[in-house]
Amino acid sequence: MSAGWDPSAAPSPSPQQYAQAAVDYARRRTGAAGVMLIIVGVINLIPTFFNANGAAQQFQMTDDEFVTQMKVAFEPLEKLAPGFHKAMVEAIEQPGARAQAATSGAVMAGLSGLTSLLMIFGGMWMRDLTGYGVAMSGAILGAIPCVTTTGCCLLGQIAGIWVIVVLLDPMVRTAFALVSGRPGQPSPHDPRQGGFPR
């Protein structure tokens, strides 16, 4: 009767081999998710530009011009929701309404633009297993409704949640640490700290 195969007799992979396997695994996981984050970030830049341009125009126009412009924009609401239409008209006729609207628009455009850049660069860097914090920040902010336009139509949530799930994978985090050379991170060849996914 022949002896069975003894697993302990098989050569164990070296730490370098485990590390390379972890990096290869993480590159497969972050590739498509990173591209998705970049695409959503670029899409979000389009309405951000128009919002910033609108805020700039409101800063330059007079109060009367602002009221006239807003009344034209609110005209469709006059028949659909007369009460709401009346309240909006009264609001834009208040002193300082133009400056407040322009300032709010500029702040929202700035926040949306910053988030878009975080998503674009985060997606690029996560594909190279660098910029972990940037990618995570872009994914979280991009998934929050009203922070970005794409966050209000589920596209931001889809990309953001996908990227967050990928980045929270212990082996992906380990690969980021290996590539960036940060000490004190889980080792891919230490089974007590996660080990390598089989």
Protein backbone atom coordinates (compact mmCIF):
# COMPACT_ATOMS: atom_id res chain seq x y z
CA MET A 1 0.00 0.00 0.00
CA SER A 2 1.52 3.29 -1.05
CA ALA A 3 1.82 6.12 1.39
CA GLY A 4 -0.54 9.06 0.92
CA TRP A 5 0.59 12.57 0.03
CA ASP A 6 1.98 14.47 2.97
CA PRO A 7 1.10 18.21 2.72
CA SER A 8 3.84 19.06 5.19
CA ALA A 9 6.40 17.69 2.77
CA ALA A 10 5.46 20.14 0.04
CA PRO A 11 7.66 23.24 -0.24
CA SER A 12 6.10 26.34 1.31
CA PRO A 13 5.90 29.51 -0.76
CA SER A 14 8.32 32.22 0.30
CA PRO A 15 7.10 35.49 1.86
CA GLN A 16 8.02 37.23 -1.39
CA GLN A 17 5.79 34.87 -3.35
CA TYR A 18 2.91 35.44 -0.96
CA ALA A 19 3.42 39.20 -1.19
CA GLN A 20 3.39 39.12 -4.99
CA ALA A 21 0.29 36.94 -4.96
CA ALA A 22 -1.45 39.44 -2.65
CA VAL A 23 -0.56 42.34 -4.94
CA ASP A 24 -1.77 40.46 -8.02
CA TYR A 25 -5.03 39.62 -6.25
CA ALA A 26 -5.55 43.27 -5.25
CA ARG A 27 -4.86 44.53 -8.77
CA ARG A 28 -7.57 42.24 -10.11
CA ARG A 29 -10.04 43.49 -7.53
CA THR A 30 -9.28 47.20 -7.85
CA GLY A 31 -9.03 47.38 -11.66
CA ALA A 32 -12.68 47.62 -12.70
CA ALA A 33 -13.76 49.40 -9.51
CA GLY A 34 -11.12 52.07 -10.10
CA VAL A 35 -12.28 52.63 -13.67
CA MET A 36 -15.88 52.97 -12.47
CA LEU A 37 -14.86 55.58 -9.90
CA ILE A 38 -12.99 57.56 -12.56
CA ILE A 39 -15.96 57.49 -14.96
CA VAL A 40 -18.41 58.68 -12.31
CA GLY A 41 -16.00 61.44 -11.27
CA VAL A 42 -15.69 62.68 -14.86
CA ILE A 43 -19.47 62.57 -15.36
CA ASN A 44 -19.94 64.59 -12.19
CA LEU A 45 -17.61 67.33 -13.45
CA ILE A 46 -20.10 68.27 -16.20
CA PRO A 47 -22.97 69.53 -13.97
CA THR A 48 -20.36 70.93 -11.57
CA PHE A 49 -19.09 73.21 -14.33
CA PHE A 50 -22.60 74.47 -15.12
CA ASN A 51 -23.36 75.05 -11.44
CA ALA A 52 -20.15 77.04 -10.98
CA ASN A 53 -20.90 79.07 -14.10
CA GLY A 54 -24.43 79.81 -12.84
CA ALA A 55 -23.10 80.96 -9.47
CA ALA A 56 -20.55 83.22 -11.18
CA GLN A 57 -23.30 84.82 -13.27
CA GLN A 58 -25.47 85.41 -10.18
CA PHE A 59 -22.59 87.20 -8.47
CA GLN A 60 -22.32 89.56 -11.45
CA MET A 61 -26.01 90.33 -12.08
CA THR A 62 -28.14 92.87 -10.24
CA ASP A 63 -30.88 91.94 -7.78
CA ASP A 64 -33.57 92.85 -10.32
CA GLU A 65 -31.95 90.69 -12.99
CA PHE A 66 -31.74 87.81 -10.51
CA VAL A 67 -35.43 88.09 -9.59
CA THR A 68 -36.44 88.21 -13.27
CA GLN A 69 -34.32 85.16 -14.10
CA MET A 70 -35.67 83.15 -11.19
CA LYS A 71 -39.29 84.05 -11.97
CA VAL A 72 -38.82 82.70 -15.49
CA ALA A 73 -37.29 79.52 -14.07
CA PHE A 74 -40.20 79.09 -11.63
CA GLU A 75 -42.97 79.65 -14.20
CA PRO A 76 -43.69 75.89 -14.71
CA LEU A 77 -44.46 75.63 -10.99
CA GLU A 78 -47.18 78.26 -11.11
CA LYS A 79 -49.84 75.79 -12.28
CA LEU A 80 -48.36 72.60 -10.84
CA ALA A 81 -47.81 73.91 -7.31
CA PRO A 82 -49.14 77.46 -6.91
CA GLY A 83 -48.48 77.60 -3.18
CA PHE A 84 -44.87 76.52 -3.56
CA HIS A 85 -44.44 78.90 -6.51
CA LYS A 86 -45.68 81.84 -4.45
CA ALA A 87 -43.32 80.98 -1.58
CA MET A 88 -40.32 80.73 -3.91
CA VAL A 89 -41.11 84.06 -5.57
CA GLU A 90 -41.41 85.71 -2.16
CA ALA A 91 -38.09 84.18 -1.11
CA ILE A 92 -36.12 85.47 -4.12
CA GLU A 93 -37.56 88.96 -3.64
CA GLN A 94 -36.08 89.20 -0.14
CA PRO A 95 -33.01 91.46 0.34
CA GLY A 96 -29.78 89.51 -0.04
CA ALA A 97 -31.43 86.58 -1.82
CA ARG A 98 -29.15 86.89 -4.85
CA ALA A 99 -25.95 86.93 -2.82
CA GLN A 100 -27.15 84.00 -0.72
CA ALA A 101 -28.08 81.95 -3.79
CA ALA A 102 -24.78 82.74 -5.51
CA THR A 103 -22.75 81.87 -2.40
CA SER A 104 -24.63 78.60 -1.86
CA GLY A 105 -24.17 77.67 -5.52
CA ALA A 106 -20.45 78.41 -5.40
CA VAL A 107 -19.96 76.35 -2.22
CA MET A 108 -21.88 73.38 -3.63
CA ALA A 109 -19.99 73.60 -6.94
CA GLY A 110 -16.69 73.70 -5.06
CA LEU A 111 -17.59 70.70 -2.90
CA SER A 112 -18.82 68.76 -5.94
CA GLY A 113 -15.69 69.65 -7.91
CA LEU A 114 -13.40 68.58 -5.07
CA THR A 115 -15.29 65.31 -4.73
CA SER A 116 -15.02 64.73 -8.48
CA LEU A 117 -11.24 65.20 -8.34
CA LEU A 118 -10.99 62.85 -5.35
CA MET A 119 -12.95 60.25 -7.30
CA ILE A 120 -10.88 60.64 -10.47
CA PHE A 121 -7.46 60.60 -8.79
CA GLY A 122 -8.61 58.03 -6.24
CA GLY A 123 -9.68 55.71 -9.04
CA MET A 124 -6.39 56.20 -10.86
CA TRP A 125 -4.25 55.66 -7.80
CA MET A 126 -6.20 52.70 -6.43
CA ARG A 127 -5.51 50.88 -9.69
CA ASP A 128 -1.82 51.30 -8.82
CA LEU A 129 -2.50 50.33 -5.18
CA THR A 130 -1.61 53.80 -3.92
CA GLY A 131 -3.68 56.68 -2.52
CA TYR A 132 -5.88 54.49 -0.29
CA GLY A 133 -7.23 57.45 1.68
CA VAL A 134 -7.99 59.49 -1.43
CA ALA A 135 -9.89 56.63 -3.05
CA MET A 136 -11.86 55.93 0.12
CA SER A 137 -12.70 59.63 0.60
CA GLY A 138 -13.83 59.98 -3.02
CA ALA A 139 -15.97 56.84 -2.80
CA ILE A 140 -17.68 57.94 0.43
CA LEU A 141 -18.36 61.53 -0.68
CA GLY A 142 -19.49 60.40 -4.14
CA ALA A 143 -22.10 58.14 -2.56
CA ILE A 144 -23.67 60.90 -0.44
CA PRO A 145 -26.79 62.39 -2.09
CA CYS A 146 -26.71 66.15 -2.79
CA VAL A 147 -22.92 66.33 -2.41
CA THR A 148 -22.58 65.38 -6.07
CA THR A 149 -25.05 65.18 -8.95
CA THR A 150 -24.24 61.51 -9.53
CA GLY A 151 -24.94 60.90 -5.84
CA CYS A 152 -28.56 61.91 -6.45
CA CYS A 153 -29.19 59.36 -9.22
CA LEU A 154 -27.77 56.16 -7.65
CA LEU A 155 -24.73 56.19 -9.94
CA GLY A 156 -22.58 57.65 -7.19
CA GLN A 157 -23.89 55.11 -4.68
CA ILE A 158 -23.19 52.18 -6.99
CA ALA A 159 -19.61 53.26 -7.66
CA GLY A 160 -18.98 54.36 -4.09
CA ILE A 161 -20.25 51.22 -2.40
CA TRP A 162 -18.40 48.99 -4.88
CA VAL A 163 -15.11 50.80 -4.24
CA ILE A 164 -15.62 50.81 -0.46
CA VAL A 165 -16.27 47.05 -0.43
CA VAL A 166 -13.12 46.45 -2.48
CA LEU A 167 -10.97 48.74 -0.35
CA LEU A 168 -12.14 47.10 2.88
CA ASP A 169 -10.98 43.69 1.67
CA PRO A 170 -8.14 42.76 4.10
CA MET A 171 -5.94 41.44 1.30
CA VAL A 172 -6.44 44.61 -0.74
CA ARG A 173 -5.47 46.70 2.28
CA THR A 174 -2.41 44.51 2.76
CA ALA A 175 -1.44 44.97 -0.88
CA PHE A 176 -1.73 48.76 -0.54
CA ALA A 177 0.57 48.58 2.48
CA LEU A 178 3.06 46.39 0.62
CA VAL A 179 3.19 48.71 -2.38
CA SER A 180 3.45 51.89 -0.29
CA GLY A 181 5.91 50.29 2.10
CA ARG A 182 4.03 51.28 5.27
CA PRO A 183 5.20 49.33 8.33
CA GLY A 184 2.95 47.73 10.88
CA GLN A 185 0.38 46.45 8.36
CA PRO A 186 -0.95 42.86 8.16
CA SER A 187 1.46 40.52 6.47
CA PRO A 188 0.16 38.47 3.52
CA HIS A 189 2.12 35.43 4.68
CA ASP A 190 0.92 35.47 8.29
CA PRO A 191 -2.26 33.33 8.56
CA ARG A 192 -2.98 34.82 11.99
CA GLN A 193 -3.53 38.20 10.27
CA GLY A 194 -5.72 37.07 7.43
CA GLY A 195 -3.46 34.91 5.35
CA PHE A 196 -3.75 34.68 1.60
CA PRO A 197 -7.20 33.99 0.07
CA ARG A 198 -7.46 30.49 -1.29
